[in-house]
C-alpha atoms as a PDB file:
ATOM      1  CA  UNK A   1     139.416  79.456  95.807  1.00  0.00           C
ATOM      2  CA  UNK A   2     138.186  78.332  92.488  1.00  0.00           C
ATOM      3  CA  UNK A   3     139.577  79.846  89.088  1.00  0.00           C
ATOM      4  CA  UNK A   4     136.792  81.886  88.533  1.00  0.00           C
ATOM      5  CA  UNK A   5     136.944  83.714  92.026  1.00  0.00           C
ATOM      6  CA  UNK A   6     140.820  84.160  91.445  1.00  0.00           C
ATOM      7  CA  UNK A   7     139.985  85.850  87.787  1.00  0.00           C
ATOM      8  CA  UNK A   8     137.426  88.127  89.167  1.00  0.00           C
ATOM      9  CA  UNK A   9     139.523  89.279  92.471  1.00  0.00           C
ATOM     10  CA  UNK A  10     140.892  92.934  92.256  1.00  0.00           C
ATOM     11  CA  UNK A  11     144.628  93.043  92.801  1.00  0.00           C
ATOM     12  CA  UNK A  12     145.330  95.642  95.208  1.00  0.00           C
ATOM     13  CA  UNK A  13     148.676  97.344  95.056  1.00  0.00           C
ATOM     14  CA  UNK A  14     150.402  99.131  97.941  1.00  0.00           C
ATOM     15  CA  UNK A  15     150.451 102.811  97.397  1.00  0.00           C
ATOM     16  CA  UNK A  16     153.649 104.329  96.475  1.00  0.00           C
ATOM     17  CA  UNK A  17     154.832 106.479  99.369  1.00  0.00           C
ATOM     18  CA  UNK A  18     158.414 108.057  99.474  1.00  0.00           C
ATOM     19  CA  UNK A  19     160.463 107.047 102.478  1.00  0.00           C
ATOM     20  CA  UNK A  20     161.173 110.135 104.672  1.00  0.00           C
ATOM     21  CA  UNK A  21     163.361 109.397 107.718  1.00  0.00           C
ATOM     22  CA  UNK A  22     162.942 110.815 111.020  1.00  0.00           C
ATOM     23  CA  UNK A  23     166.631 110.998 111.212  1.00  0.00           C
ATOM     24  CA  UNK A  24     167.955 114.380 110.268  1.00  0.00           C
ATOM     25  CA  UNK A  25     170.701 114.861 107.598  1.00  0.00           C
ATOM     26  CA  UNK A  26     173.066 116.228 110.357  1.00  0.00           C
ATOM     27  CA  UNK A  27     172.113 113.240 112.935  1.00  0.00           C
ATOM     28  CA  UNK A  28     172.777 110.801 110.032  1.00  0.00           C
ATOM     29  CA  UNK A  29     176.157 112.298 109.312  1.00  0.00           C
ATOM     30  CA  UNK A  30     176.854 112.228 112.840  1.00  0.00           C
ATOM     31  CA  UNK A  31     176.379 108.529 113.030  1.00  0.00           C
ATOM     32  CA  UNK A  32     178.275 107.767 109.845  1.00  0.00           C
ATOM     33  CA  UNK A  33     181.144 109.726 111.188  1.00  0.00           C
ATOM     34  CA  UNK A  34     181.027 107.880 114.773  1.00  0.00           C
ATOM     35  CA  UNK A  35     180.662 104.365 112.373  1.00  0.00           C
ATOM     36  CA  UNK A  36     183.980 105.472 110.345  1.00  0.00           C
ATOM     37  CA  UNK A  37     186.293 106.343 113.330  1.00  0.00           C
ATOM     38  CA  UNK A  38     185.006 103.795 115.448  1.00  0.00           C
ATOM     39  CA  UNK A  39     185.894 105.146 119.000  1.00  0.00           C
ATOM     40  CA  UNK A  40     184.143 107.454 121.321  1.00  0.00           C
ATOM     41  CA  UNK A  41     180.352 107.494 122.469  1.00  0.00           C
ATOM     42  CA  UNK A  42     177.469 106.753 120.188  1.00  0.00           C
ATOM     43  CA  UNK A  43     175.502 109.943 119.219  1.00  0.00           C
ATOM     44  CA  UNK A  44     173.110 110.941 122.536  1.00  0.00           C
ATOM     45  CA  UNK A  45     169.989 111.158 120.080  1.00  0.00           C
ATOM     46  CA  UNK A  46     170.864 107.269 119.145  1.00  0.00           C
ATOM     47  CA  UNK A  47     170.757 106.420 122.758  1.00  0.00           C
ATOM     48  CA  UNK A  48     167.944 108.529 123.664  1.00  0.00           C
ATOM     49  CA  UNK A  49     165.322 108.046 120.552  1.00  0.00           C
ATOM     50  CA  UNK A  50     164.441 104.619 119.812  1.00  0.00           C
ATOM     51  CA  UNK A  51     162.554 105.431 116.572  1.00  0.00           C
ATOM     52  CA  UNK A  52     165.543 107.179 115.310  1.00  0.00           C
ATOM     53  CA  UNK A  53     167.994 104.323 116.495  1.00  0.00           C
ATOM     54  CA  UNK A  54     165.605 101.505 114.877  1.00  0.00           C
ATOM     55  CA  UNK A  55     165.559 103.602 111.653  1.00  0.00           C
ATOM     56  CA  UNK A  56     169.436 103.697 111.501  1.00  0.00           C
ATOM     57  CA  UNK A  57     169.685  99.777 112.495  1.00  0.00           C
ATOM     58  CA  UNK A  58     166.927  98.417 110.311  1.00  0.00           C
ATOM     59  CA  UNK A  59     166.422 100.955 107.068  1.00  0.00           C
ATOM     60  CA  UNK A  60     170.255 102.267 107.156  1.00  0.00           C
ATOM     61  CA  UNK A  61     170.172 101.863 103.176  1.00  0.00           C
ATOM     62  CA  UNK A  62     166.881 103.845 102.878  1.00  0.00           C
ATOM     63  CA  UNK A  63     168.169 106.765 104.779  1.00  0.00           C
ATOM     64  CA  UNK A  64     171.479 106.713 102.985  1.00  0.00           C
ATOM     65  CA  UNK A  65     169.624 106.729  99.623  1.00  0.00           C
ATOM     66  CA  UNK A  66     167.330 109.335 100.900  1.00  0.00           C
ATOM     67  CA  UNK A  67     170.101 111.904 101.699  1.00  0.00           C
ATOM     68  CA  UNK A  68     172.705 110.957  99.116  1.00  0.00           C
ATOM     69  CA  UNK A  69     170.143 111.794  96.121  1.00  0.00           C
END
């Protein structure tokens, strides 16, 4: 790409969308309690719902921020 094409190219920004977790506040609290005590079985929803489990595993900070604000 030459300089003129770069200057005329529109810069597209990602839409500013608010993160809304699929994990409920109660489920998040249940997971945190399990993590804090470190014993017993994982919450049943964590083992049965991959979407919620992935959200906890890969977006934990976002979920935490959502429920702590």
